[in-house]
Amino acid sequence: MKEKILVVDDEEGIRLLYKEELEDEGLNVQLAASGEEALAKLEQDKFDLIVLDIKMPGMDGIEVLRRVKERWKNLPVILSTAYHHYKQEFGTWASDAYVVKSSDLKELKTTIKDILNTGRK
């Protein structure tokens, strides 16, 4: 069965790019445009991993990460952001990985595969 991934990003172009690229890798990708929408989807469905933007209007990714780790402790979260400086913030340390956005999704794809494969051992 395909692993199910939730991509959370306020930018539609990023969501659609990630969906297309990750589905080409054989993953089942669901999308959320906000932190609130992501938490609602998590309540309704089971996911194997979350790719989460940090800088979003309303509830930012760091707050979503905190809530996810409180409720779904073992759910891996990859923070994906255009900003390098967030990696030093204490709130990001609970994530399983930190990937800087790029037009080349190789690092993100490799990180996803590594985390999903590690969880299956």
N, C-alpha and C. Protein backbone atom coordinates (compact mmCIF):
# COMPACT_ATOMS: atom_id res chain seq x y z
N MET A 1 0.84 -1.19 0.00
CA MET A 1 0.00 0.00 0.00
C MET A 1 0.88 1.25 0.00
N LYS A 2 0.47 2.27 -0.72
CA LYS A 2 1.22 3.51 -0.82
C LYS A 2 1.22 4.24 0.51
N GLU A 3 2.37 4.82 0.85
CA GLU A 3 2.44 5.68 2.03
C GLU A 3 1.66 6.96 1.74
N LYS A 4 0.97 7.44 2.77
CA LYS A 4 0.16 8.65 2.61
C LYS A 4 0.87 9.82 3.28
N ILE A 5 1.06 10.86 2.49
CA ILE A 5 1.79 12.04 2.95
C ILE A 5 0.86 13.25 2.89
N LEU A 6 0.95 14.10 3.92
CA LEU A 6 0.20 15.35 3.94
C LEU A 6 1.19 16.49 3.70
N VAL A 7 0.96 17.25 2.63
CA VAL A 7 1.77 18.42 2.31
C VAL A 7 0.99 19.66 2.74
N VAL A 8 1.61 20.46 3.62
CA VAL A 8 0.95 21.65 4.15
C VAL A 8 1.77 22.87 3.73
N ASP A 9 1.18 23.72 2.89
CA ASP A 9 1.85 24.92 2.42
C ASP A 9 0.79 25.91 1.96
N ASP A 10 0.97 27.18 2.29
CA ASP A 10 -0.02 28.18 1.90
C ASP A 10 0.10 28.58 0.43
N GLU A 11 1.21 28.23 -0.22
CA GLU A 11 1.40 28.57 -1.63
C GLU A 11 0.89 27.43 -2.52
N GLU A 12 -0.13 27.72 -3.31
CA GLU A 12 -0.74 26.70 -4.15
C GLU A 12 0.26 26.07 -5.12
N GLY A 13 1.14 26.88 -5.71
CA GLY A 13 2.11 26.36 -6.66
C GLY A 13 3.04 25.33 -6.03
N ILE A 14 3.45 25.58 -4.80
CA ILE A 14 4.31 24.63 -4.08
C ILE A 14 3.54 23.34 -3.80
N ARG A 15 2.30 23.48 -3.32
CA ARG A 15 1.48 22.28 -3.03
C ARG A 15 1.34 21.41 -4.26
N LEU A 16 1.03 22.03 -5.39
CA LEU A 16 0.80 21.26 -6.61
C LEU A 16 2.10 20.64 -7.13
N LEU A 17 3.21 21.38 -7.05
CA LEU A 17 4.51 20.84 -7.46
C LEU A 17 4.88 19.63 -6.60
N TYR A 18 4.76 19.77 -5.28
CA TYR A 18 5.09 18.66 -4.38
C TYR A 18 4.19 17.46 -4.66
N LYS A 19 2.90 17.72 -4.86
CA LYS A 19 1.97 16.63 -5.11
C LYS A 19 2.38 15.85 -6.37
N GLU A 20 2.62 16.57 -7.45
CA GLU A 20 2.99 15.92 -8.71
C GLU A 20 4.30 15.14 -8.57
N GLU A 21 5.31 15.77 -8.01
CA GLU A 21 6.63 15.15 -7.89
C GLU A 21 6.60 13.94 -6.94
N LEU A 22 5.90 14.06 -5.83
CA LEU A 22 5.88 12.97 -4.85
C LEU A 22 4.98 11.82 -5.31
N GLU A 23 3.92 12.12 -6.04
CA GLU A 23 3.10 11.05 -6.61
C GLU A 23 3.89 10.27 -7.66
N ASP A 24 4.77 10.96 -8.38
CA ASP A 24 5.66 10.28 -9.34
C ASP A 24 6.59 9.31 -8.63
N GLU A 25 6.83 9.53 -7.34
CA GLU A 25 7.67 8.65 -6.52
C GLU A 25 6.85 7.49 -5.92
N GLY A 26 5.56 7.44 -6.24
CA GLY A 26 4.71 6.36 -5.76
C GLY A 26 4.02 6.62 -4.44
N LEU A 27 3.96 7.88 -4.02
CA LEU A 27 3.33 8.23 -2.75
C LEU A 27 1.91 8.74 -2.97
N ASN A 28 1.06 8.54 -1.99
CA ASN A 28 -0.28 9.08 -1.99
C ASN A 28 -0.20 10.43 -1.28
N VAL A 29 -0.46 11.53 -1.99
CA VAL A 29 -0.25 12.87 -1.44
C VAL A 29 -1.58 13.58 -1.28
N GLN A 30 -1.82 14.06 -0.07
CA GLN A 30 -2.98 14.91 0.24
C GLN A 30 -2.44 16.30 0.53
N LEU A 31 -3.27 17.32 0.32
CA LEU A 31 -2.82 18.70 0.46
C LEU A 31 -3.64 19.47 1.49
N ALA A 32 -2.98 20.42 2.15
CA ALA A 32 -3.65 21.35 3.05
C ALA A 32 -3.02 22.73 2.84
N ALA A 33 -3.87 23.77 2.80
CA ALA A 33 -3.40 25.13 2.53
C ALA A 33 -3.11 25.92 3.80
N SER A 34 -3.40 25.35 4.97
CA SER A 34 -3.18 26.07 6.22
C SER A 34 -2.96 25.08 7.36
N GLY A 35 -2.46 25.60 8.45
CA GLY A 35 -2.28 24.77 9.63
C GLY A 35 -3.59 24.22 10.15
N GLU A 36 -4.60 25.05 10.15
CA GLU A 36 -5.91 24.62 10.62
C GLU A 36 -6.47 23.48 9.77
N GLU A 37 -6.33 23.62 8.46
CA GLU A 37 -6.80 22.58 7.55
C GLU A 37 -6.01 21.28 7.76
N ALA A 38 -4.72 21.41 7.98
CA ALA A 38 -3.88 20.23 8.21
C ALA A 38 -4.34 19.48 9.47
N LEU A 39 -4.57 20.19 10.55
CA LEU A 39 -5.00 19.53 11.80
C LEU A 39 -6.36 18.86 11.62
N ALA A 40 -7.25 19.49 10.86
CA ALA A 40 -8.56 18.88 10.59
C ALA A 40 -8.39 17.59 9.79
N LYS A 41 -7.50 17.59 8.80
CA LYS A 41 -7.27 16.37 8.01
C LYS A 41 -6.65 15.27 8.86
N LEU A 42 -5.78 15.64 9.77
CA LEU A 42 -5.15 14.65 10.66
C LEU A 42 -6.18 13.99 11.58
N GLU A 43 -7.19 14.73 11.95
CA GLU A 43 -8.26 14.17 12.79
C GLU A 43 -9.10 13.17 12.00
N GLN A 44 -9.21 13.36 10.68
CA GLN A 44 -10.08 12.55 9.84
C GLN A 44 -9.40 11.34 9.22
N ASP A 45 -8.07 11.39 9.07
CA ASP A 45 -7.38 10.36 8.29
C ASP A 45 -6.02 10.06 8.92
N LYS A 46 -5.44 8.93 8.51
CA LYS A 46 -4.13 8.53 9.01
C LYS A 46 -3.08 8.83 7.94
N PHE A 47 -1.98 9.44 8.37
CA PHE A 47 -0.88 9.78 7.46
C PHE A 47 0.40 9.14 7.97
N ASP A 48 1.32 8.90 7.03
CA ASP A 48 2.61 8.31 7.38
C ASP A 48 3.68 9.37 7.60
N LEU A 49 3.43 10.59 7.09
CA LEU A 49 4.43 11.65 7.18
C LEU A 49 3.79 12.97 6.80
N ILE A 50 4.31 14.07 7.35
CA ILE A 50 3.85 15.41 6.99
C ILE A 50 5.04 16.22 6.48
N VAL A 51 4.82 16.94 5.37
CA VAL A 51 5.77 17.94 4.89
C VAL A 51 5.11 19.28 5.19
N LEU A 52 5.75 20.06 6.04
CA LEU A 52 5.10 21.23 6.63
C LEU A 52 5.90 22.51 6.40
N ASP A 53 5.26 23.49 5.78
CA ASP A 53 5.85 24.82 5.63
C ASP A 53 5.85 25.51 6.99
N ILE A 54 6.81 26.37 7.23
CA ILE A 54 6.86 27.09 8.51
C ILE A 54 6.09 28.40 8.42
N LYS A 55 6.39 29.21 7.42
CA LYS A 55 5.84 30.56 7.35
C LYS A 55 4.51 30.55 6.60
N MET A 56 3.42 30.57 7.39
CA MET A 56 2.07 30.58 6.82
C MET A 56 1.24 31.58 7.61
N PRO A 57 0.26 32.20 6.97
CA PRO A 57 -0.63 33.10 7.70
C PRO A 57 -1.48 32.31 8.68
N GLY A 58 -1.94 32.98 9.73
CA GLY A 58 -2.72 32.28 10.75
C GLY A 58 -1.80 31.43 11.60
N MET A 59 -2.09 30.15 11.69
CA MET A 59 -1.28 29.24 12.48
C MET A 59 -0.02 28.86 11.68
N ASP A 60 1.15 29.23 12.20
CA ASP A 60 2.37 28.92 11.47
C ASP A 60 2.79 27.46 11.67
N GLY A 61 3.77 27.04 10.90
CA GLY A 61 4.20 25.65 10.93
C GLY A 61 4.77 25.20 12.26
N ILE A 62 5.40 26.11 13.00
CA ILE A 62 5.96 25.74 14.30
C ILE A 62 4.84 25.39 15.27
N GLU A 63 3.74 26.13 15.23
CA GLU A 63 2.59 25.82 16.08
C GLU A 63 1.94 24.51 15.65
N VAL A 64 1.83 24.29 14.35
CA VAL A 64 1.27 23.03 13.86
C VAL A 64 2.15 21.87 14.31
N LEU A 65 3.46 22.02 14.18
CA LEU A 65 4.41 20.99 14.62
C LEU A 65 4.19 20.66 16.10
N ARG A 66 4.08 21.68 16.93
CA ARG A 66 3.87 21.47 18.37
C ARG A 66 2.60 20.67 18.62
N ARG A 67 1.52 21.04 17.94
CA ARG A 67 0.24 20.34 18.14
C ARG A 67 0.29 18.91 17.62
N VAL A 68 0.96 18.71 16.49
CA VAL A 68 1.09 17.35 15.93
C VAL A 68 1.85 16.46 16.91
N LYS A 69 2.97 16.96 17.43
CA LYS A 69 3.80 16.15 18.32
C LYS A 69 3.11 15.89 19.66
N GLU A 70 2.21 16.77 20.08
CA GLU A 70 1.43 16.52 21.30
C GLU A 70 0.42 15.40 21.08
N ARG A 71 -0.22 15.39 19.93
CA ARG A 71 -1.33 14.47 19.67
C ARG A 71 -0.90 13.18 18.97
N TRP A 72 0.02 13.30 18.01
CA TRP A 72 0.49 12.15 17.21
C TRP A 72 2.01 12.07 17.35
N LYS A 73 2.48 11.65 18.48
CA LYS A 73 3.90 11.69 18.83
C LYS A 73 4.83 11.02 17.81
N ASN A 74 4.38 9.93 17.22
CA ASN A 74 5.24 9.16 16.32
C ASN A 74 5.09 9.52 14.85
N LEU A 75 4.28 10.52 14.54
CA LEU A 75 4.09 10.94 13.16
C LEU A 75 5.27 11.81 12.72
N PRO A 76 6.05 11.36 11.73
CA PRO A 76 7.20 12.15 11.29
C PRO A 76 6.77 13.44 10.59
N VAL A 77 7.51 14.51 10.90
CA VAL A 77 7.25 15.81 10.30
C VAL A 77 8.55 16.35 9.71
N ILE A 78 8.49 16.72 8.43
CA ILE A 78 9.60 17.38 7.77
C ILE A 78 9.21 18.85 7.61
N LEU A 79 10.00 19.73 8.19
CA LEU A 79 9.77 21.16 7.98
C LEU A 79 10.42 21.55 6.66
N SER A 80 9.66 22.24 5.83
CA SER A 80 10.13 22.67 4.52
C SER A 80 9.91 24.17 4.42
N THR A 81 11.00 24.92 4.32
CA THR A 81 10.87 26.37 4.31
C THR A 81 11.91 27.00 3.40
N ALA A 82 11.64 28.21 2.99
CA ALA A 82 12.59 28.96 2.15
C ALA A 82 13.62 29.69 3.01
N TYR A 83 13.46 29.63 4.32
CA TYR A 83 14.29 30.43 5.22
C TYR A 83 15.22 29.54 6.04
N HIS A 84 16.52 29.73 5.88
CA HIS A 84 17.53 28.96 6.61
C HIS A 84 17.49 29.23 8.11
N HIS A 85 17.20 30.48 8.51
CA HIS A 85 17.36 30.88 9.90
C HIS A 85 16.40 30.18 10.87
N TYR A 86 15.30 29.63 10.38
CA TYR A 86 14.37 28.94 11.28
C TYR A 86 14.99 27.68 11.90
N LYS A 87 15.98 27.12 11.25
CA LYS A 87 16.59 25.88 11.74
C LYS A 87 17.17 26.07 13.14
N GLN A 88 17.57 27.28 13.48
CA GLN A 88 18.15 27.57 14.80
C GLN A 88 17.10 27.79 15.88
N GLU A 89 15.84 27.96 15.49
CA GLU A 89 14.78 28.22 16.48
C GLU A 89 14.43 26.96 17.25
N PHE A 90 14.29 27.10 18.53
CA PHE A 90 14.00 25.98 19.42
C PHE A 90 12.74 25.22 18.98
N GLY A 91 11.72 25.92 18.53
CA GLY A 91 10.45 25.29 18.15
C GLY A 91 10.56 24.32 16.99
N THR A 92 11.61 24.43 16.19
CA THR A 92 11.77 23.54 15.03
C THR A 92 12.46 22.23 15.39
N TRP A 93 13.05 22.15 16.57
CA TRP A 93 13.85 20.99 16.94
C TRP A 93 13.04 19.71 17.06
N ALA A 94 11.74 19.81 17.25
CA ALA A 94 10.90 18.62 17.39
C ALA A 94 10.64 17.94 16.04
N SER A 95 11.00 18.61 14.96
CA SER A 95 10.77 18.02 13.64
C SER A 95 11.75 16.87 13.41
N ASP A 96 11.39 15.99 12.51
CA ASP A 96 12.24 14.85 12.16
C ASP A 96 13.30 15.23 11.13
N ALA A 97 13.04 16.30 10.39
CA ALA A 97 14.00 16.78 9.39
C ALA A 97 13.64 18.21 9.03
N TYR A 98 14.62 18.90 8.46
CA TYR A 98 14.47 20.30 8.06
C TYR A 98 15.05 20.42 6.66
N VAL A 99 14.23 20.82 5.70
CA VAL A 99 14.66 20.91 4.31
C VAL A 99 14.37 22.32 3.81
N VAL A 100 15.38 22.95 3.22
CA VAL A 100 15.20 24.27 2.63
C VAL A 100 14.61 24.09 1.25
N LYS A 101 13.53 24.84 0.97
CA LYS A 101 12.85 24.73 -0.33
C LYS A 101 13.80 25.04 -1.48
N SER A 102 13.61 24.30 -2.54
CA SER A 102 14.43 24.46 -3.74
C SER A 102 13.60 23.98 -4.93
N SER A 103 13.97 24.45 -6.12
CA SER A 103 13.28 23.96 -7.31
C SER A 103 13.67 22.50 -7.58
N ASP A 104 14.80 22.08 -7.03
CA ASP A 104 15.24 20.68 -7.12
C ASP A 104 14.75 19.96 -5.86
N LEU A 105 13.84 19.03 -6.04
CA LEU A 105 13.24 18.35 -4.89
C LEU A 105 13.99 17.09 -4.47
N LYS A 106 15.21 16.92 -4.96
CA LYS A 106 15.97 15.72 -4.65
C LYS A 106 16.17 15.55 -3.14
N GLU A 107 16.57 16.62 -2.44
CA GLU A 107 16.80 16.51 -0.99
C GLU A 107 15.51 16.15 -0.26
N LEU A 108 14.41 16.76 -0.63
CA LEU A 108 13.13 16.44 0.00
C LEU A 108 12.75 14.99 -0.25
N LYS A 109 12.85 14.54 -1.48
CA LYS A 109 12.50 13.15 -1.81
C LYS A 109 13.38 12.15 -1.06
N THR A 110 14.67 12.43 -1.00
CA THR A 110 15.58 11.54 -0.28
C THR A 110 15.25 11.51 1.21
N THR A 111 14.95 12.66 1.78
CA THR A 111 14.61 12.75 3.20
C THR A 111 13.34 11.97 3.49
N ILE A 112 12.34 12.11 2.64
CA ILE A 112 11.08 11.38 2.82
C ILE A 112 11.34 9.87 2.77
N LYS A 113 12.08 9.43 1.77
CA LYS A 113 12.37 7.99 1.65
C LYS A 113 13.12 7.47 2.87
N ASP A 114 14.12 8.23 3.32
CA ASP A 114 14.90 7.81 4.49
C ASP A 114 14.02 7.67 5.72
N ILE A 115 13.16 8.63 5.96
CA ILE A 115 12.29 8.58 7.15
C ILE A 115 11.29 7.44 7.04
N LEU A 116 10.68 7.26 5.88
CA LEU A 116 9.70 6.19 5.73
C LEU A 116 10.37 4.82 5.84
N ASN A 117 11.56 4.67 5.29
CA ASN A 117 12.26 3.40 5.37
C ASN A 117 12.73 3.09 6.79
N THR A 118 13.15 4.11 7.51
CA THR A 118 13.58 3.92 8.90
C THR A 118 12.41 3.48 9.77
N GLY A 119 11.25 4.01 9.51
CA GLY A 119 10.07 3.67 10.30
C GLY A 119 9.61 2.24 10.10
N ARG A 120 10.07 1.58 9.03
CA ARG A 120 9.61 0.24 8.70
C ARG A 120 10.52 -0.85 9.26
N LYS A 121 11.63 -0.48 9.84
CA LYS A 121 12.58 -1.49 10.33
C LYS A 121 12.05 -2.27 11.50
